[in-house]
Amino acid sequence: MSKPVAALLEGGRRLHLQHGPIDLIIGADPEGAQTRQRAFKAAKERFDTILEGLCRELPQHRTQLTPDTPLPQDVTAQRMYRAARPFCSTTFVTPMSAVAGSVADEVLAAMLAACPLDRAYVNNGGDIAVHLAPGATFSVAMSGLEGGNLGRLRFGADAGIGGIATSGAGGRSLSRGIADSVSVLARSAAQADVAATLIANAVDLPGHPAILRNPAHDIQPDSDLGARAVVTAVGALSAKDRARALAAGRAVADDMQRAGHILGAALFLQGETTQTGDMFIRTEMKMEIEHAWT
């Protein structure tokens, strides 16, 4: 296994950590002059052991989660299991659905344990753990499959948002649904990660001739989805079909929001969008997202 790599960016204002498939960009706004250095040191020290810890029990992490699945020994993996477990009785889900968000949460927790911070984030390939002290704000851009602007998410500490995650057929992971992207806000990055995966899976039109699917293990031999079909291409859909697919995903997002698993979600498919949760309206995200489509 390769060794972790660390590099300071922007004159030391951001930190880049990479180890195997994990690639983090980290930012921190300190309360004191030396605090950022302490936070970055804590992030690196914790990051150095994360991948090794996850790999010890990797076969179990890739299997279907059930209510009776025991918690693993690894602390980061425990975050994955706790985030995914609320959904395992009603749908297929593995702990790996929350791995990116859980890693981000774990590194952020190490930074906050080391020193006080006004604002901090850990971005793991688009799944972001966020900390905001009272009065601080955070802004992040959302982009589409072709890099187009889908709007910006802006919120303050009082919103209670600790995690942002995005999933979809055009992302870095395999998807069982056809959404271009689904962005989710939650109280942790792990919760947002698994929710984005499941909502994106639900944006679908089973049996539609314009949608191509292949077994997951034909594309990624070690995929936790095994032989389950994943979307490999989506042709042009009618307005009616787009609305039907988005409505299916919106129903899942609404249920999650009512149950307290998420704070909001924005779903995108071929130029159409829908969203759930008054959190979007309160933080002006609804206005930003709608403006991007006009």
Protein backbone atom coordinates (compact mmCIF):
# COMPACT_ATOMS: atom_id res chain seq x y z
CA MET A 1 0.00 0.00 0.00
CA SER A 2 1.32 3.46 -0.89
CA LYS A 3 2.04 6.00 1.82
CA PRO A 4 -0.16 9.03 2.55
CA VAL A 5 0.84 12.24 0.79
CA ALA A 6 0.35 15.74 2.21
CA ALA A 7 0.86 19.17 0.62
CA LEU A 8 -0.01 22.71 1.63
CA LEU A 9 -1.88 24.80 -0.94
CA GLU A 10 -2.41 28.55 -1.42
CA GLY A 11 0.50 29.53 0.79
CA GLY A 12 -0.62 27.25 3.60
CA ARG A 13 -4.28 28.25 3.65
CA ARG A 14 -5.46 24.81 2.52
CA LEU A 15 -4.18 21.27 2.97
CA HIS A 16 -4.25 18.45 0.42
CA LEU A 17 -4.17 14.86 1.73
CA GLN A 18 -4.14 11.81 -0.54
CA HIS A 19 -3.85 8.10 0.14
CA GLY A 20 -5.01 5.47 -2.35
CA PRO A 21 -8.57 6.37 -3.42
CA ILE A 22 -9.01 9.02 -0.70
CA ASP A 23 -8.32 12.60 -1.79
CA LEU A 24 -9.07 15.44 0.63
CA ILE A 25 -8.96 19.23 0.39
CA ILE A 26 -9.11 20.83 3.82
CA GLY A 27 -9.63 24.41 4.90
CA ALA A 28 -9.67 26.03 8.34
CA ASP A 29 -10.23 29.56 9.57
CA PRO A 30 -8.59 29.86 12.99
CA GLU A 31 -9.40 31.83 16.09
CA GLY A 32 -5.66 32.41 16.61
CA ALA A 33 -2.61 32.85 14.39
CA GLN A 34 -1.16 29.38 15.01
CA THR A 35 -4.42 27.49 15.13
CA ARG A 36 -4.58 26.56 11.44
CA GLN A 37 -1.22 24.81 11.66
CA ARG A 38 -2.39 22.84 14.68
CA ALA A 39 -5.60 21.87 12.90
CA PHE A 40 -3.75 20.74 9.77
CA LYS A 41 -1.28 18.74 11.87
CA ALA A 42 -4.16 16.94 13.60
CA ALA A 43 -5.84 16.27 10.25
CA LYS A 44 -2.68 14.73 8.80
CA GLU A 45 -2.01 12.58 11.86
CA ARG A 46 -5.52 11.16 11.80
CA PHE A 47 -5.55 10.74 8.03
CA ASP A 48 -2.34 8.69 8.08
CA THR A 49 -4.18 5.71 9.64
CA ILE A 50 -7.67 6.00 8.10
CA LEU A 51 -7.24 3.85 4.98
CA GLU A 52 -5.42 1.11 6.89
CA GLY A 53 -8.24 1.00 9.44
CA LEU A 54 -10.93 0.75 6.79
CA CYS A 55 -9.13 -1.99 4.87
CA ARG A 56 -8.91 -4.32 7.88
CA GLU A 57 -12.61 -5.13 7.65
CA LEU A 58 -13.24 -4.21 4.02
CA PRO A 59 -15.07 -7.43 3.00
CA GLN A 60 -17.69 -6.79 5.69
CA HIS A 61 -18.05 -3.13 4.65
CA ARG A 62 -18.92 -4.28 1.12
CA THR A 63 -21.74 -6.62 2.17
CA GLN A 64 -25.40 -5.79 2.58
CA LEU A 65 -26.11 -4.10 5.90
CA THR A 66 -28.83 -5.55 8.13
CA PRO A 67 -30.20 -4.47 11.52
CA ASP A 68 -28.16 -7.26 13.09
CA THR A 69 -24.82 -6.52 11.42
CA PRO A 70 -22.31 -5.89 14.23
CA LEU A 71 -20.38 -2.65 14.37
CA PRO A 72 -16.80 -2.91 13.13
CA GLN A 73 -13.83 -2.07 15.33
CA ASP A 74 -12.61 0.84 13.21
CA VAL A 75 -13.96 4.22 14.35
CA THR A 76 -14.38 5.66 10.85
CA ALA A 77 -16.18 2.50 9.72
CA GLN A 78 -18.51 2.81 12.71
CA ARG A 79 -19.63 6.18 11.34
CA MET A 80 -20.47 4.43 8.04
CA TYR A 81 -22.59 1.77 9.72
CA ARG A 82 -24.48 4.22 11.92
CA ALA A 83 -25.29 6.46 8.94
CA ALA A 84 -26.54 3.61 6.72
CA ARG A 85 -28.35 1.49 9.32
CA PRO A 86 -31.61 3.52 9.43
CA PHE A 87 -32.29 2.47 5.82
CA CYS A 88 -31.19 -1.16 5.77
CA SER A 89 -34.59 -2.61 6.69
CA THR A 90 -36.32 -1.14 3.65
CA THR A 91 -33.69 -1.08 0.89
CA PHE A 92 -30.39 -2.58 -0.18
CA VAL A 93 -27.54 -0.59 1.30
CA THR A 94 -23.96 -1.32 2.28
CA PRO A 95 -21.77 0.65 4.69
CA MET A 96 -19.69 1.77 1.71
CA SER A 97 -22.51 4.13 0.74
CA ALA A 98 -21.28 6.40 3.53
CA VAL A 99 -17.52 5.91 3.29
CA ALA A 100 -16.55 9.24 1.71
CA GLY A 101 -18.65 11.28 4.10
CA SER A 102 -17.48 9.28 7.11
CA VAL A 103 -13.83 9.88 6.26
CA ALA A 104 -14.53 13.61 5.97
CA ASP A 105 -16.37 13.62 9.31
CA GLU A 106 -13.55 11.75 11.04
CA VAL A 107 -10.81 14.08 9.85
CA LEU A 108 -12.88 17.15 10.75
CA ALA A 109 -13.51 15.72 14.24
CA ALA A 110 -9.75 15.31 14.75
CA MET A 111 -9.18 18.95 13.80
CA LEU A 112 -11.86 20.21 16.19
CA ALA A 113 -10.50 18.07 19.02
CA ALA A 114 -7.08 19.66 18.53
CA CYS A 115 -8.07 23.33 18.57
CA PRO A 116 -10.98 25.78 18.33
CA LEU A 117 -11.91 26.87 14.80
CA ASP A 118 -14.25 29.54 13.47
CA ARG A 119 -14.86 27.59 10.26
CA ALA A 120 -13.49 24.38 8.81
CA TYR A 121 -14.28 21.93 6.07
CA VAL A 122 -13.01 18.61 4.75
CA ASN A 123 -13.90 17.99 1.10
CA ASN A 124 -13.61 14.34 0.09
CA GLY A 125 -14.28 14.40 -3.64
CA GLY A 126 -17.41 16.51 -3.26
CA ASP A 127 -18.67 14.99 -0.01
CA ILE A 128 -17.98 17.72 2.53
CA ALA A 129 -17.91 17.83 6.32
CA VAL A 130 -18.43 21.38 7.62
CA HIS A 131 -17.96 23.10 10.97
CA LEU A 132 -19.23 26.62 11.59
CA ALA A 133 -18.90 28.59 14.80
CA PRO A 134 -21.69 31.07 15.61
CA GLY A 135 -21.70 33.88 13.06
CA ALA A 136 -19.68 31.97 10.44
CA THR A 137 -21.03 31.13 6.98
CA PHE A 138 -20.16 28.63 4.26
CA SER A 139 -20.69 28.71 0.49
CA VAL A 140 -20.13 25.97 -2.08
CA ALA A 141 -20.86 25.82 -5.81
CA MET A 142 -22.89 23.05 -7.44
CA SER A 143 -22.01 22.04 -10.99
CA GLY A 144 -23.63 19.76 -13.56
CA LEU A 145 -22.27 16.88 -15.64
CA GLU A 146 -20.73 19.25 -18.17
CA GLY A 147 -19.40 21.63 -15.55
CA GLY A 148 -22.31 24.06 -15.84
CA ASN A 149 -23.37 26.11 -12.84
CA LEU A 150 -26.33 24.70 -10.89
CA GLY A 151 -26.23 27.41 -8.24
CA ARG A 152 -24.51 27.95 -4.90
CA LEU A 153 -25.34 26.64 -1.45
CA ARG A 154 -24.96 29.26 1.27
CA PHE A 155 -25.72 28.79 4.95
CA GLY A 156 -24.75 29.87 8.44
CA ALA A 157 -24.06 28.07 11.67
CA ASP A 158 -27.70 28.31 12.76
CA ALA A 159 -28.79 26.07 9.86
CA GLY A 160 -27.41 23.00 11.65
CA ILE A 161 -25.75 21.69 8.48
CA GLY A 162 -22.65 19.57 9.09
CA GLY A 163 -22.45 17.71 5.80
CA ILE A 164 -23.04 18.09 2.07
CA ALA A 165 -22.92 15.20 -0.39
CA THR A 166 -23.66 14.63 -4.05
CA SER A 167 -24.42 11.43 -5.95
CA GLY A 168 -25.79 10.50 -9.37
CA ALA A 169 -25.27 8.62 -12.60
CA GLY A 170 -22.59 11.09 -13.70
CA GLY A 171 -20.55 10.93 -10.51
CA ARG A 172 -17.42 9.04 -9.54
CA SER A 173 -19.41 6.14 -8.05
CA LEU A 174 -21.84 3.78 -9.73
CA SER A 175 -25.53 4.62 -9.45
CA ARG A 176 -28.66 2.51 -9.79
CA GLY A 177 -30.66 5.58 -10.79
CA ILE A 178 -30.60 8.12 -13.62
CA ALA A 179 -30.27 11.45 -11.80
CA ASP A 180 -27.60 13.74 -13.20
CA SER A 181 -26.91 14.65 -9.59
CA VAL A 182 -28.54 14.76 -6.17
CA SER A 183 -27.14 17.12 -3.54
CA VAL A 184 -28.10 16.54 0.09
CA LEU A 185 -27.70 18.60 3.26
CA ALA A 186 -27.57 16.79 6.60
CA ARG A 187 -26.14 17.12 10.08
CA SER A 188 -23.09 15.07 9.11
CA ALA A 189 -21.28 14.24 5.89
CA ALA A 190 -21.85 10.52 6.50
CA GLN A 191 -25.63 11.03 6.71
CA ALA A 192 -25.60 13.23 3.61
CA ASP A 193 -23.49 10.67 1.73
CA VAL A 194 -25.75 7.66 2.20
CA ALA A 195 -28.89 9.75 1.67
CA ALA A 196 -27.58 11.19 -1.62
CA THR A 197 -26.81 7.66 -2.82
CA LEU A 198 -30.26 6.31 -2.01
CA ILE A 199 -32.17 9.32 -3.36
CA ALA A 200 -30.16 9.21 -6.59
CA ASN A 201 -30.96 5.50 -6.89
CA ALA A 202 -34.66 6.32 -6.58
CA VAL A 203 -34.63 8.80 -9.49
CA ASP A 204 -35.38 6.13 -12.05
CA LEU A 205 -37.63 4.79 -14.80
CA PRO A 206 -37.42 0.99 -14.54
CA GLY A 207 -37.59 -0.71 -17.93
CA HIS A 208 -37.34 2.50 -19.97
CA PRO A 209 -35.73 1.78 -23.37
CA ALA A 210 -33.55 4.92 -23.29
CA ILE A 211 -31.70 3.72 -20.18
CA LEU A 212 -28.79 1.31 -20.47
CA ARG A 213 -27.70 -0.81 -17.52
CA ASN A 214 -24.98 -3.32 -16.77
CA PRO A 215 -24.06 -5.45 -13.76
CA ALA A 216 -21.94 -3.41 -11.38
CA HIS A 217 -19.19 -6.03 -11.17
CA ASP A 218 -18.72 -5.85 -14.95
CA ILE A 219 -17.67 -2.22 -14.56
CA GLN A 220 -15.95 -2.39 -11.17
CA PRO A 221 -15.05 -5.97 -10.21
CA ASP A 222 -14.84 -5.09 -6.51
CA SER A 223 -18.08 -3.06 -6.39
CA ASP A 224 -20.17 -3.52 -3.27
CA LEU A 225 -23.21 -3.67 -5.60
CA GLY A 226 -22.12 -7.03 -7.02
CA ALA A 227 -24.34 -8.20 -9.89
CA ARG A 228 -26.97 -5.50 -9.34
CA ALA A 229 -27.65 -3.39 -12.41
CA VAL A 230 -26.24 0.13 -12.56
CA VAL A 231 -26.94 2.86 -15.09
CA THR A 232 -24.32 3.28 -17.82
CA ALA A 233 -26.14 5.63 -20.23
CA VAL A 234 -29.33 7.69 -20.32
CA GLY A 235 -30.85 8.88 -23.58
CA ALA A 236 -33.04 11.94 -24.05
CA LEU A 237 -36.19 11.72 -21.96
CA SER A 238 -39.56 13.39 -22.47
CA ALA A 239 -40.72 16.05 -20.04
CA LYS A 240 -43.25 13.59 -18.65
CA ASP A 241 -40.60 10.94 -18.04
CA ARG A 242 -38.26 13.44 -16.39
CA ALA A 243 -41.02 14.58 -14.08
CA ARG A 244 -41.92 11.00 -13.18
CA ALA A 245 -38.34 10.04 -12.39
CA LEU A 246 -37.75 13.15 -10.29
CA ALA A 247 -41.00 12.60 -8.42
CA ALA A 248 -39.86 9.11 -7.45
CA GLY A 249 -36.64 10.50 -6.01
CA ARG A 250 -38.44 13.42 -4.39
CA ALA A 251 -40.73 11.00 -2.53
CA VAL A 252 -37.72 9.27 -0.97
CA ALA A 253 -36.12 12.61 -0.10
CA ASP A 254 -39.35 13.84 1.48
CA ASP A 255 -39.54 10.73 3.67
CA MET A 256 -35.94 11.18 4.78
CA GLN A 257 -36.51 14.83 5.58
CA ARG A 258 -39.65 14.10 7.62
CA ALA A 259 -37.78 11.40 9.54
CA GLY A 260 -34.97 13.81 10.36
CA HIS A 261 -32.28 12.02 8.38
CA ILE A 262 -31.62 15.01 6.10
CA LEU A 263 -32.22 18.76 6.10
CA GLY A 264 -32.84 19.14 2.38
CA ALA A 265 -32.08 17.78 -1.08
CA ALA A 266 -31.88 19.12 -4.63
CA LEU A 267 -32.40 16.67 -7.50
CA PHE A 268 -31.32 17.31 -11.11
CA LEU A 269 -32.17 15.45 -14.32
CA GLN A 270 -31.64 16.70 -17.89
CA GLY A 271 -32.31 20.37 -17.15
CA GLU A 272 -35.13 19.78 -14.66
CA THR A 273 -34.87 20.09 -10.89
CA THR A 274 -36.91 19.52 -7.76
CA GLN A 275 -36.07 19.93 -4.11
CA THR A 276 -37.25 19.15 -0.63
CA GLY A 277 -36.82 20.72 2.76
CA ASP A 278 -37.49 24.28 3.90
CA MET A 279 -33.77 24.49 4.66
CA PHE A 280 -33.23 25.40 1.01
CA ILE A 281 -35.65 28.30 1.20
CA ARG A 282 -34.36 29.61 4.51
CA THR A 283 -30.73 29.64 3.37
CA GLU A 284 -31.59 31.19 -0.04
CA MET A 285 -30.55 28.02 -1.84
CA LYS A 286 -33.90 27.65 -3.56
CA MET A 287 -33.56 31.06 -5.20
CA GLU A 288 -29.99 30.36 -6.29
CA ILE A 289 -30.82 26.97 -7.79
CA GLU A 290 -33.88 28.19 -9.65
CA HIS A 291 -31.94 31.15 -11.05
CA ALA A 292 -29.35 28.76 -12.51
CA TRP A 293 -32.01 27.16 -14.69
CA THR A 294 -33.57 30.35 -16.10
